[in-house]
Amino acid sequence: MTNSSFIGDFILVGFSDQPQLEKTLFVIVLVSYILTLVGNTVIISISSIDPKLKTPMYFFLTHLSLVDICFTTSIVPQLLWNLKGPAKTITILGCAVQLYVSLSLGSTECVLLAVMAFDRYAAVCKPLHYSAVMNPRLCQALAGVAWLSGMGNALIQGTITLWLPRCGQRRLYHFFCEVPSMIKLACVDIHANEVQLFVASLVLLLLPLSLILLSYAFIGRAVNRIGSVQAWHKALGTCGSHLIVVSLFYGTITAVYIQPNSSYAHTHGKFLSLFYTVVTPSLNPLIYTLRNKDVKGALRRLFNRDPSL
């Protein structure tokens, strides 16, 4: 590893401490990446082409698919290269780009999932005013807020992290350049950085998650007032896919960012990160297509399986 690295390059230790897993992980990551690219590209394509999918829900789903494609692409090619070959290095410039891009897109996804929860709240609780509430101008503004908040967070956290003195330390015990693992390379007191990371996590992780839970609390109350099994089935059909995606994404990312120094995050951090950076983006298209009649109908129309649909 030392002979193949250049002075100043970071060494991504990744899973090299478990070499027996590397070949298996290479296959899993490669398959997941292909599924991510194909599945999310299909969702973007059918949402753009099919007139029946020109709704706020699919407008936001298109943005989510674009985020997932770019998010995984900022991480997976380097990961595959490191899993396959003996070299485990990444240049300083490559690490900085990966840090900014992945942090920006990950933060964008957090906010975007909250925006999608608000859309589901409006669809279930304000059905008669849904079109007026979720008008195109508001949808574009909400999507813009998600993207801008992600970029703003990346500029602040990424820049502060990269400016930390490392005193020559280059071994990063992770498979990509991520804030919680990078600040551990610093040779100065990082308590202030950990506090800053915790505050940023509260704003961009727990605040959106709280808004999601609040939206679904209102949805549950509205459906409960109706008191019919059919209403619950309809609500699950409308919100089920989003709930599954939120559970998969937030269930893993919060463990890494809210308590980065916990023994659980230290022991399982790489695998948790692998889940929300590689596995979850590949599952999102399957979740939305398998549980969604509109998407399945659009796919049938796209491939001309049933022209009457």
C-alpha atoms as a PDB file:
ATOM      1  CA  MET A   1       0.000   0.000   0.000  1.00  0.00           C
ATOM      2  CA  THR A   2       2.846   2.357   0.864  1.00  0.00           C
ATOM      3  CA  ASN A   3       4.758   1.703  -2.393  1.00  0.00           C
ATOM      4  CA  SER A   4       1.703   2.490  -4.533  1.00  0.00           C
ATOM      5  CA  SER A   5       0.775   5.712  -2.764  1.00  0.00           C
ATOM      6  CA  PHE A   6       1.971   9.220  -3.488  1.00  0.00           C
ATOM      7  CA  ILE A   7       3.079  11.750  -0.903  1.00  0.00           C
ATOM      8  CA  GLY A   8       0.024  13.635   0.297  1.00  0.00           C
ATOM      9  CA  ASP A   9      -2.520  11.071  -0.891  1.00  0.00           C
ATOM     10  CA  PHE A  10      -5.002   9.743   1.630  1.00  0.00           C
ATOM     11  CA  ILE A  11      -5.035   6.010   2.344  1.00  0.00           C
ATOM     12  CA  LEU A  12      -8.602   4.710   2.495  1.00  0.00           C
ATOM     13  CA  VAL A  13      -8.257   1.719   4.783  1.00  0.00           C
ATOM     14  CA  GLY A  14     -11.883   0.795   4.102  1.00  0.00           C
ATOM     15  CA  PHE A  15     -12.439  -2.944   4.406  1.00  0.00           C
ATOM     16  CA  SER A  16      -8.775  -3.927   3.932  1.00  0.00           C
ATOM     17  CA  ASP A  17      -8.705  -5.051   7.558  1.00  0.00           C
ATOM     18  CA  GLN A  18     -11.243  -7.711   6.481  1.00  0.00           C
ATOM     19  CA  PRO A  19      -9.745  -8.938   3.174  1.00  0.00           C
ATOM     20  CA  GLN A  20     -11.994 -11.996   3.104  1.00  0.00           C
ATOM     21  CA  LEU A  21     -14.977  -9.655   2.615  1.00  0.00           C
ATOM     22  CA  GLU A  22     -13.543  -7.541  -0.187  1.00  0.00           C
ATOM     23  CA  LYS A  23     -14.471  -9.828  -3.115  1.00  0.00           C
ATOM     24  CA  THR A  24     -17.991 -10.323  -1.792  1.00  0.00           C
ATOM     25  CA  LEU A  25     -18.407  -6.603  -1.164  1.00  0.00           C
ATOM     26  CA  PHE A  26     -17.110  -5.825  -4.670  1.00  0.00           C
ATOM     27  CA  VAL A  27     -19.915  -7.911  -6.211  1.00  0.00           C
ATOM     28  CA  ILE A  28     -22.572  -6.472  -3.882  1.00  0.00           C
ATOM     29  CA  VAL A  29     -21.469  -2.879  -4.488  1.00  0.00           C
ATOM     30  CA  LEU A  30     -21.220  -3.364  -8.263  1.00  0.00           C
ATOM     31  CA  VAL A  31     -24.677  -4.948  -8.523  1.00  0.00           C
ATOM     32  CA  SER A  32     -26.185  -2.266  -6.253  1.00  0.00           C
ATOM     33  CA  TYR A  33     -24.582   0.498  -8.331  1.00  0.00           C
ATOM     34  CA  ILE A  34     -25.934  -0.935 -11.600  1.00  0.00           C
ATOM     35  CA  LEU A  35     -29.407  -1.226 -10.044  1.00  0.00           C
ATOM     36  CA  THR A  36     -29.135   2.371  -8.815  1.00  0.00           C
ATOM     37  CA  LEU A  37     -28.191   3.718 -12.245  1.00  0.00           C
ATOM     38  CA  VAL A  38     -30.772   1.693 -14.171  1.00  0.00           C
ATOM     39  CA  GLY A  39     -33.643   1.991 -11.695  1.00  0.00           C
ATOM     40  CA  ASN A  40     -33.335   5.710 -11.023  1.00  0.00           C
ATOM     41  CA  THR A  41     -32.781   6.512 -14.704  1.00  0.00           C
ATOM     42  CA  VAL A  42     -36.004   4.644 -15.509  1.00  0.00           C
ATOM     43  CA  ILE A  43     -37.899   6.646 -12.868  1.00  0.00           C
ATOM     44  CA  ILE A  44     -36.536   9.954 -14.203  1.00  0.00           C
ATOM     45  CA  SER A  45     -37.395   8.930 -17.778  1.00  0.00           C
ATOM     46  CA  ILE A  46     -40.968   7.776 -17.178  1.00  0.00           C
ATOM     47  CA  SER A  47     -41.697  10.755 -14.890  1.00  0.00           C
ATOM     48  CA  SER A  48     -40.562  13.070 -17.679  1.00  0.00           C
ATOM     49  CA  ILE A  49     -42.320  11.247 -20.518  1.00  0.00           C
ATOM     50  CA  ASP A  50     -45.610   9.960 -19.077  1.00  0.00           C
ATOM     51  CA  PRO A  51     -48.283  12.708 -18.783  1.00  0.00           C
ATOM     52  CA  LYS A  52     -50.041  10.847 -15.950  1.00  0.00           C
ATOM     53  CA  LEU A  53     -46.950  11.274 -13.789  1.00  0.00           C
ATOM     54  CA  LYS A  54     -46.809  15.061 -14.127  1.00  0.00           C
ATOM     55  CA  THR A  55     -47.700  15.534 -10.467  1.00  0.00           C
ATOM     56  CA  PRO A  56     -45.817  17.000  -7.455  1.00  0.00           C
ATOM     57  CA  MET A  57     -45.105  13.533  -6.053  1.00  0.00           C
ATOM     58  CA  TYR A  58     -43.236  12.433  -9.173  1.00  0.00           C
ATOM     59  CA  PHE A  59     -41.596  15.831  -9.550  1.00  0.00           C
ATOM     60  CA  PHE A  60     -39.945  15.286  -6.145  1.00  0.00           C
ATOM     61  CA  LEU A  61     -39.313  11.605  -6.883  1.00  0.00           C
ATOM     62  CA  THR A  62     -37.387  12.663 -10.004  1.00  0.00           C
ATOM     63  CA  HIS A  63     -35.202  14.919  -7.856  1.00  0.00           C
ATOM     64  CA  LEU A  64     -34.672  12.080  -5.360  1.00  0.00           C
ATOM     65  CA  SER A  65     -33.621   9.735  -8.168  1.00  0.00           C
ATOM     66  CA  LEU A  66     -31.187  12.338  -9.528  1.00  0.00           C
ATOM     67  CA  VAL A  67     -29.716  12.821  -6.042  1.00  0.00           C
ATOM     68  CA  ASP A  68     -29.284   9.053  -5.610  1.00  0.00           C
ATOM     69  CA  ILE A  69     -27.520   8.656  -8.964  1.00  0.00           C
ATOM     70  CA  CYS A  70     -25.087  11.494  -8.261  1.00  0.00           C
ATOM     71  CA  PHE A  71     -24.623  10.517  -4.596  1.00  0.00           C
ATOM     72  CA  THR A  72     -23.582   6.943  -5.360  1.00  0.00           C
ATOM     73  CA  THR A  73     -21.467   8.018  -8.343  1.00  0.00           C
ATOM     74  CA  SER A  74     -19.428  10.295  -6.073  1.00  0.00           C
ATOM     75  CA  ILE A  75     -18.504   7.289  -3.907  1.00  0.00           C
ATOM     76  CA  VAL A  76     -18.889   3.926  -5.649  1.00  0.00           C
ATOM     77  CA  PRO A  77     -16.303   4.094  -8.516  1.00  0.00           C
ATOM     78  CA  GLN A  78     -13.506   4.871  -6.037  1.00  0.00           C
ATOM     79  CA  LEU A  79     -14.816   2.185  -3.674  1.00  0.00           C
ATOM     80  CA  LEU A  80     -14.846  -0.446  -6.442  1.00  0.00           C
ATOM     81  CA  TRP A  81     -11.304   0.507  -7.450  1.00  0.00           C
ATOM     82  CA  ASN A  82     -10.086   0.136  -3.865  1.00  0.00           C
ATOM     83  CA  LEU A  83     -11.913  -3.156  -3.322  1.00  0.00           C
ATOM     84  CA  LYS A  84     -10.508  -4.667  -6.522  1.00  0.00           C
ATOM     85  CA  GLY A  85      -6.872  -3.626  -6.410  1.00  0.00           C
ATOM     86  CA  PRO A  86      -4.072  -3.367  -3.846  1.00  0.00           C
ATOM     87  CA  ALA A  87      -3.966   0.439  -3.999  1.00  0.00           C
ATOM     88  CA  LYS A  88      -6.223   2.054  -1.407  1.00  0.00           C
ATOM     89  CA  THR A  89      -5.366   5.688  -2.064  1.00  0.00           C
ATOM     90  CA  ILE A  90      -7.242   8.807  -3.097  1.00  0.00           C
ATOM     91  CA  THR A  91      -5.639  12.139  -3.955  1.00  0.00           C
ATOM     92  CA  ILE A  92      -6.189  15.202  -1.790  1.00  0.00           C
ATOM     93  CA  LEU A  93      -8.160  16.836  -4.611  1.00  0.00           C
ATOM     94  CA  GLY A  94     -10.204  13.676  -5.161  1.00  0.00           C
ATOM     95  CA  CYS A  95     -10.937  13.453  -1.443  1.00  0.00           C
ATOM     96  CA  ALA A  96     -12.008  17.109  -1.282  1.00  0.00           C
ATOM     97  CA  VAL A  97     -14.321  16.719  -4.290  1.00  0.00           C
ATOM     98  CA  GLN A  98     -15.794  13.515  -2.858  1.00  0.00           C
ATOM     99  CA  LEU A  99     -16.322  15.177   0.526  1.00  0.00           C
ATOM    100  CA  TYR A 100     -18.110  18.223  -0.894  1.00  0.00           C
ATOM    101  CA  VAL A 101     -20.241  16.347  -3.423  1.00  0.00           C
ATOM    102  CA  SER A 102     -21.318  13.450  -1.183  1.00  0.00           C
ATOM    103  CA  LEU A 103     -22.022  15.733   1.792  1.00  0.00           C
ATOM    104  CA  SER A 104     -24.030  18.129  -0.370  1.00  0.00           C
ATOM    105  CA  LEU A 105     -26.135  15.375  -1.940  1.00  0.00           C
ATOM    106  CA  GLY A 106     -26.635  13.482   1.322  1.00  0.00           C
ATOM    107  CA  SER A 107     -27.863  16.679   2.999  1.00  0.00           C
ATOM    108  CA  THR A 108     -30.105  17.419   0.022  1.00  0.00           C
ATOM    109  CA  GLU A 109     -31.705  13.986   0.332  1.00  0.00           C
ATOM    110  CA  CYS A 110     -32.472  14.579   4.026  1.00  0.00           C
ATOM    111  CA  VAL A 111     -34.388  17.783   3.230  1.00  0.00           C
ATOM    112  CA  LEU A 112     -35.973  16.330   0.098  1.00  0.00           C
ATOM    113  CA  LEU A 113     -37.471  13.422   2.045  1.00  0.00           C
ATOM    114  CA  ALA A 114     -39.060  15.959   4.422  1.00  0.00           C
ATOM    115  CA  VAL A 115     -40.470  17.883   1.442  1.00  0.00           C
ATOM    116  CA  MET A 116     -41.931  14.651   0.064  1.00  0.00           C
ATOM    117  CA  ALA A 117     -43.566  13.981   3.447  1.00  0.00           C
ATOM    118  CA  PHE A 118     -45.215  17.428   3.299  1.00  0.00           C
ATOM    119  CA  ASP A 119     -46.472  16.563  -0.190  1.00  0.00           C
ATOM    120  CA  ARG A 120     -48.036  13.350   1.153  1.00  0.00           C
ATOM    121  CA  TYR A 121     -49.593  15.335   4.022  1.00  0.00           C
ATOM    122  CA  ALA A 122     -51.174  17.737   1.546  1.00  0.00           C
ATOM    123  CA  ALA A 123     -52.434  14.837  -0.613  1.00  0.00           C
ATOM    124  CA  VAL A 124     -54.100  13.012   2.294  1.00  0.00           C
ATOM    125  CA  CYS A 125     -55.187  15.846   4.592  1.00  0.00           C
ATOM    126  CA  LYS A 126     -55.998  18.540   2.002  1.00  0.00           C
ATOM    127  CA  PRO A 127     -57.228  16.513  -1.005  1.00  0.00           C
ATOM    128  CA  LEU A 128     -59.658  19.172  -2.271  1.00  0.00           C
ATOM    129  CA  HIS A 129     -56.985  21.890  -2.145  1.00  0.00           C
ATOM    130  CA  TYR A 130     -54.019  19.695  -3.103  1.00  0.00           C
ATOM    131  CA  SER A 131     -53.470  21.222  -6.548  1.00  0.00           C
ATOM    132  CA  ALA A 132     -53.667  24.736  -5.137  1.00  0.00           C
ATOM    133  CA  VAL A 133     -51.367  23.994  -2.202  1.00  0.00           C
ATOM    134  CA  MET A 134     -48.758  22.029  -4.149  1.00  0.00           C
ATOM    135  CA  ASN A 135     -48.658  24.384  -7.118  1.00  0.00           C
ATOM    136  CA  PRO A 136     -45.688  24.251  -9.539  1.00  0.00           C
ATOM    137  CA  ARG A 137     -44.121  27.402  -8.121  1.00  0.00           C
ATOM    138  CA  LEU A 138     -44.103  26.035  -4.562  1.00  0.00           C
ATOM    139  CA  CYS A 139     -42.772  22.653  -5.739  1.00  0.00           C
ATOM    140  CA  GLN A 140     -39.869  24.321  -7.531  1.00  0.00           C
ATOM    141  CA  ALA A 141     -39.155  26.490  -4.494  1.00  0.00           C
ATOM    142  CA  LEU A 142     -39.146  23.498  -2.116  1.00  0.00           C
ATOM    143  CA  ALA A 143     -36.847  21.516  -4.419  1.00  0.00           C
ATOM    144  CA  GLY A 144     -34.564  24.557  -4.648  1.00  0.00           C
ATOM    145  CA  VAL A 145     -34.442  24.844  -0.852  1.00  0.00           C
ATOM    146  CA  ALA A 146     -33.431  21.178  -0.609  1.00  0.00           C
ATOM    147  CA  TRP A 147     -30.570  21.581  -3.103  1.00  0.00           C
ATOM    148  CA  LEU A 148     -29.356  24.904  -1.681  1.00  0.00           C
ATOM    149  CA  SER A 149     -29.415  23.686   1.922  1.00  0.00           C
ATOM    150  CA  GLY A 150     -27.327  20.679   0.892  1.00  0.00           C
ATOM    151  CA  MET A 151     -24.764  22.834  -0.913  1.00  0.00           C
ATOM    152  CA  GLY A 152     -24.632  25.312   1.970  1.00  0.00           C
ATOM    153  CA  ASN A 153     -24.028  22.574   4.522  1.00  0.00           C
ATOM    154  CA  ALA A 154     -21.288  21.035   2.370  1.00  0.00           C
ATOM    155  CA  LEU A 155     -19.502  24.361   1.917  1.00  0.00           C
ATOM    156  CA  ILE A 156     -19.502  25.043   5.658  1.00  0.00           C
ATOM    157  CA  GLN A 157     -18.771  21.582   7.072  1.00  0.00           C
ATOM    158  CA  GLY A 158     -16.511  20.480   4.234  1.00  0.00           C
ATOM    159  CA  THR A 159     -14.339  23.596   4.342  1.00  0.00           C
ATOM    160  CA  ILE A 160     -13.965  23.505   8.137  1.00  0.00           C
ATOM    161  CA  THR A 161     -13.034  19.804   7.995  1.00  0.00           C
ATOM    162  CA  LEU A 162     -10.453  20.227   5.229  1.00  0.00           C
ATOM    163  CA  TRP A 163      -8.793  23.147   7.043  1.00  0.00           C
ATOM    164  CA  LEU A 164      -8.071  21.049  10.139  1.00  0.00           C
ATOM    165  CA  PRO A 165      -4.316  20.377  10.591  1.00  0.00           C
ATOM    166  CA  ARG A 166      -3.534  16.673  10.234  1.00  0.00           C
ATOM    167  CA  CYS A 167       0.215  16.681  10.982  1.00  0.00           C
ATOM    168  CA  GLY A 168       0.905  14.177   8.212  1.00  0.00           C
ATOM    169  CA  GLN A 169      -1.788  11.683   9.183  1.00  0.00           C
ATOM    170  CA  ARG A 170      -3.160  10.132   5.985  1.00  0.00           C
ATOM    171  CA  ARG A 171      -4.790   6.847   7.024  1.00  0.00           C
ATOM    172  CA  LEU A 172      -8.555   7.275   6.829  1.00  0.00           C
ATOM    173  CA  TYR A 173     -10.360   4.385   8.493  1.00  0.00           C
ATOM    174  CA  HIS A 174     -13.277   4.524   6.104  1.00  0.00           C
ATOM    175  CA  PHE A 175     -14.033   3.700   2.457  1.00  0.00           C
ATOM    176  CA  PHE A 176     -14.705   7.317   1.409  1.00  0.00           C
ATOM    177  CA  CYS A 177     -14.000  10.846   2.595  1.00  0.00           C
ATOM    178  CA  GLU A 178     -16.743  11.622   5.110  1.00  0.00           C
ATOM    179  CA  VAL A 179     -16.777  14.299   7.814  1.00  0.00           C
ATOM    180  CA  PRO A 180     -17.026  12.072  10.958  1.00  0.00           C
ATOM    181  CA  SER A 181     -14.016   9.988   9.920  1.00  0.00           C
ATOM    182  CA  MET A 182     -11.960  12.880   8.503  1.00  0.00           C
ATOM    183  CA  ILE A 183     -12.082  15.043  11.631  1.00  0.00           C
ATOM    184  CA  LYS A 184     -10.494  12.145  13.525  1.00  0.00           C
ATOM    185  CA  LEU A 185      -7.306  12.692  11.497  1.00  0.00           C
ATOM    186  CA  ALA A 186      -6.810  16.124  13.091  1.00  0.00           C
ATOM    187  CA  CYS A 187      -3.867  16.568  15.438  1.00  0.00           C
ATOM    188  CA  VAL A 188      -5.620  19.319  17.422  1.00  0.00           C
ATOM    189  CA  ASP A 189      -8.551  19.355  19.816  1.00  0.00           C
ATOM    190  CA  ILE A 190     -11.646  18.576  17.729  1.00  0.00           C
ATOM    191  CA  HIS A 191     -14.280  19.092  20.428  1.00  0.00           C
ATOM    192  CA  ALA A 192     -15.524  22.261  18.705  1.00  0.00           C
ATOM    193  CA  ASN A 193     -15.746  20.401  15.397  1.00  0.00           C
ATOM    194  CA  GLU A 194     -17.719  17.584  16.989  1.00  0.00           C
ATOM    195  CA  VAL A 195     -20.139  20.116  18.477  1.00  0.00           C
ATOM    196  CA  GLN A 196     -20.467  21.799  15.080  1.00  0.00           C
ATOM    197  CA  LEU A 197     -21.106  18.400  13.440  1.00  0.00           C
ATOM    198  CA  PHE A 198     -23.727  17.592  16.066  1.00  0.00           C
ATOM    199  CA  VAL A 199     -25.514  20.938  15.545  1.00  0.00           C
ATOM    200  CA  ALA A 200     -25.460  20.501  11.767  1.00  0.00           C
ATOM    201  CA  SER A 201     -26.844  16.983  12.218  1.00  0.00           C
ATOM    202  CA  LEU A 202     -29.661  18.348  14.382  1.00  0.00           C
ATOM    203  CA  VAL A 203     -30.597  20.853  11.677  1.00  0.00           C
ATOM    204  CA  LEU A 204     -30.249  18.634   8.612  1.00  0.00           C
ATOM    205  CA  LEU A 205     -31.063  15.230  10.088  1.00  0.00           C
ATOM    206  CA  LEU A 206     -33.294  15.480  13.137  1.00  0.00           C
ATOM    207  CA  LEU A 207     -35.248  18.586  12.041  1.00  0.00           C
ATOM    208  CA  PRO A 208     -36.308  17.038   8.694  1.00  0.00           C
ATOM    209  CA  LEU A 209     -36.994  13.742  10.470  1.00  0.00           C
ATOM    210  CA  SER A 210     -39.175  15.579  13.015  1.00  0.00           C
ATOM    211  CA  LEU A 211     -41.099  17.246  10.187  1.00  0.00           C
ATOM    212  CA  ILE A 212     -41.578  13.854   8.527  1.00  0.00           C
ATOM    213  CA  LEU A 213     -42.904  12.317  11.741  1.00  0.00           C
ATOM    214  CA  LEU A 214     -45.167  15.333  12.309  1.00  0.00           C
ATOM    215  CA  SER A 215     -46.550  15.057   8.770  1.00  0.00           C
ATOM    216  CA  TYR A 216     -47.350  11.390   9.262  1.00  0.00           C
ATOM    217  CA  ALA A 217     -48.872  12.091  12.673  1.00  0.00           C
ATOM    218  CA  PHE A 218     -51.329  14.471  10.975  1.00  0.00           C
ATOM    219  CA  ILE A 219     -51.949  11.907   8.246  1.00  0.00           C
ATOM    220  CA  GLY A 220     -52.629   9.205  10.813  1.00  0.00           C
ATOM    221  CA  ARG A 221     -55.019  11.454  12.718  1.00  0.00           C
ATOM    222  CA  ALA A 222     -56.884  12.404   9.541  1.00  0.00           C
ATOM    223  CA  VAL A 223     -57.259   8.769   8.447  1.00  0.00           C
ATOM    224  CA  ASN A 224     -58.261   7.690  11.950  1.00  0.00           C
ATOM    225  CA  ARG A 225     -61.105  10.209  11.899  1.00  0.00           C
ATOM    226  CA  ILE A 226     -62.525   8.508   8.826  1.00  0.00           C
ATOM    227  CA  GLY A 227     -62.332   5.210  10.675  1.00  0.00           C
ATOM    228  CA  SER A 228     -62.520   2.846   7.701  1.00  0.00           C
ATOM    229  CA  VAL A 229     -60.216   0.052   6.630  1.00  0.00           C
ATOM    230  CA  GLN A 230     -60.374   1.320   3.051  1.00  0.00           C
ATOM    231  CA  ALA A 231     -59.046   4.721   4.157  1.00  0.00           C
ATOM    232  CA  TRP A 232     -56.093   3.087   5.905  1.00  0.00           C
ATOM    233  CA  HIS A 233     -55.315   0.981   2.816  1.00  0.00           C
ATOM    234  CA  LYS A 234     -55.452   4.087   0.632  1.00  0.00           C
ATOM    235  CA  ALA A 235     -53.185   6.015   3.014  1.00  0.00           C
ATOM    236  CA  LEU A 236     -50.672   3.153   3.077  1.00  0.00           C
ATOM    237  CA  GLY A 237     -50.760   2.999  -0.705  1.00  0.00           C
ATOM    238  CA  THR A 238     -50.103   6.732  -0.872  1.00  0.00           C
ATOM    239  CA  CYS A 239     -47.433   6.944   1.839  1.00  0.00           C
ATOM    240  CA  GLY A 240     -46.050   3.410   2.239  1.00  0.00           C
ATOM    241  CA  SER A 241     -43.198   3.698  -0.243  1.00  0.00           C
ATOM    242  CA  HIS A 242     -42.002   6.979   1.223  1.00  0.00           C
ATOM    243  CA  LEU A 243     -42.154   5.595   4.765  1.00  0.00           C
ATOM    244  CA  ILE A 244     -39.994   2.600   3.814  1.00  0.00           C
ATOM    245  CA  VAL A 245     -37.397   4.835   2.110  1.00  0.00           C
ATOM    246  CA  VAL A 246     -37.299   7.199   5.106  1.00  0.00           C
ATOM    247  CA  SER A 247     -36.841   4.269   7.520  1.00  0.00           C
ATOM    248  CA  LEU A 248     -33.963   2.779   5.515  1.00  0.00           C
ATOM    249  CA  PHE A 249     -32.138   6.081   5.003  1.00  0.00           C
ATOM    250  CA  TYR A 250     -32.602   7.739   8.391  1.00  0.00           C
ATOM    251  CA  GLY A 251     -32.262   4.493  10.330  1.00  0.00           C
ATOM    252  CA  THR A 252     -28.613   4.191   9.311  1.00  0.00           C
ATOM    253  CA  ILE A 253     -27.376   7.746   8.728  1.00  0.00           C
ATOM    254  CA  THR A 254     -28.477   9.024  12.136  1.00  0.00           C
ATOM    255  CA  ALA A 255     -26.369   6.386  13.909  1.00  0.00           C
ATOM    256  CA  VAL A 256     -23.262   7.678  12.098  1.00  0.00           C
ATOM    257  CA  TYR A 257     -23.802  11.431  12.389  1.00  0.00           C
ATOM    258  CA  ILE A 258     -25.648  11.914  15.685  1.00  0.00           C
ATOM    259  CA  GLN A 259     -23.239   9.820  17.764  1.00  0.00           C
ATOM    260  CA  PRO A 260     -20.042   9.463  15.700  1.00  0.00           C
ATOM    261  CA  ASN A 261     -17.961   8.536  18.753  1.00  0.00           C
ATOM    262  CA  SER A 262     -20.286   5.846  20.082  1.00  0.00           C
ATOM    263  CA  SER A 263     -18.925   2.293  20.238  1.00  0.00           C
ATOM    264  CA  TYR A 264     -21.671   1.143  17.853  1.00  0.00           C
ATOM    265  CA  ALA A 265     -20.807   3.778  15.235  1.00  0.00           C
ATOM    266  CA  HIS A 266     -17.094   3.024  15.637  1.00  0.00           C
ATOM    267  CA  THR A 267     -17.553  -0.727  15.196  1.00  0.00           C
ATOM    268  CA  HIS A 268     -20.255  -0.766  12.529  1.00  0.00           C
ATOM    269  CA  GLY A 269     -19.807   2.716  11.025  1.00  0.00           C
ATOM    270  CA  LYS A 270     -18.378   1.524   7.705  1.00  0.00           C
ATOM    271  CA  PHE A 271     -21.227  -0.946   7.188  1.00  0.00           C
ATOM    272  CA  LEU A 272     -23.852   1.625   8.173  1.00  0.00           C
ATOM    273  CA  SER A 273     -22.332   4.078   5.702  1.00  0.00           C
ATOM    274  CA  LEU A 274     -22.247   1.359   3.051  1.00  0.00           C
ATOM    275  CA  PHE A 275     -25.972   0.835   3.571  1.00  0.00           C
ATOM    276  CA  TYR A 276     -27.113   4.442   3.113  1.00  0.00           C
ATOM    277  CA  THR A 277     -24.600   5.292   0.377  1.00  0.00           C
ATOM    278  CA  VAL A 278     -24.852   2.130  -1.756  1.00  0.00           C
ATOM    279  CA  VAL A 279     -27.707  -0.192  -0.778  1.00  0.00           C
ATOM    280  CA  THR A 280     -30.540   2.276  -0.075  1.00  0.00           C
ATOM    281  CA  PRO A 281     -30.222   4.172  -3.410  1.00  0.00           C
ATOM    282  CA  SER A 282     -30.489   0.831  -5.242  1.00  0.00           C
ATOM    283  CA  LEU A 283     -33.608  -0.159  -3.296  1.00  0.00           C
ATOM    284  CA  ASN A 284     -35.480   3.139  -3.743  1.00  0.00           C
ATOM    285  CA  PRO A 285     -36.539   2.481  -7.379  1.00  0.00           C
ATOM    286  CA  LEU A 286     -37.681  -1.047  -6.473  1.00  0.00           C
ATOM    287  CA  ILE A 287     -39.689   0.238  -3.524  1.00  0.00           C
ATOM    288  CA  TYR A 288     -41.419   2.932  -5.570  1.00  0.00           C
ATOM    289  CA  THR A 289     -42.134   0.703  -8.571  1.00  0.00           C
ATOM    290  CA  LEU A 290     -43.228  -2.457  -6.767  1.00  0.00           C
ATOM    291  CA  ARG A 291     -45.628  -0.604  -4.456  1.00  0.00           C
ATOM    292  CA  ASN A 292     -46.876   2.018  -6.890  1.00  0.00           C
ATOM    293  CA  LYS A 293     -49.640   1.344  -9.433  1.00  0.00           C
ATOM    294  CA  ASP A 294     -48.975   4.614 -11.275  1.00  0.00           C
ATOM    295  CA  VAL A 295     -45.320   3.750 -11.892  1.00  0.00           C
ATOM    296  CA  LYS A 296     -46.136   0.172 -12.911  1.00  0.00           C
ATOM    297  CA  GLY A 297     -48.801   1.488 -15.294  1.00  0.00           C
ATOM    298  CA  ALA A 298     -46.326   3.975 -16.762  1.00  0.00           C
ATOM    299  CA  LEU A 299     -43.792   1.187 -17.283  1.00  0.00           C
ATOM    300  CA  ARG A 300     -46.419  -0.907 -19.112  1.00  0.00           C
ATOM    301  CA  ARG A 301     -47.290   2.060 -21.332  1.00  0.00           C
ATOM    302  CA  LEU A 302     -43.595   2.740 -21.952  1.00  0.00           C
ATOM    303  CA  PHE A 303     -42.959  -0.813 -23.136  1.00  0.00           C
ATOM    304  CA  ASN A 304     -46.339  -1.061 -24.939  1.00  0.00           C
ATOM    305  CA  ARG A 305     -47.409  -4.113 -23.023  1.00  0.00           C
ATOM    306  CA  ASP A 306     -50.981  -2.897 -22.867  1.00  0.00           C
ATOM    307  CA  PRO A 307     -51.806   0.112 -25.090  1.00  0.00           C
ATOM    308  CA  SER A 308     -55.159   0.598 -23.334  1.00  0.00           C
ATOM    309  CA  LEU A 309     -53.459   1.478 -20.000  1.00  0.00           C
END
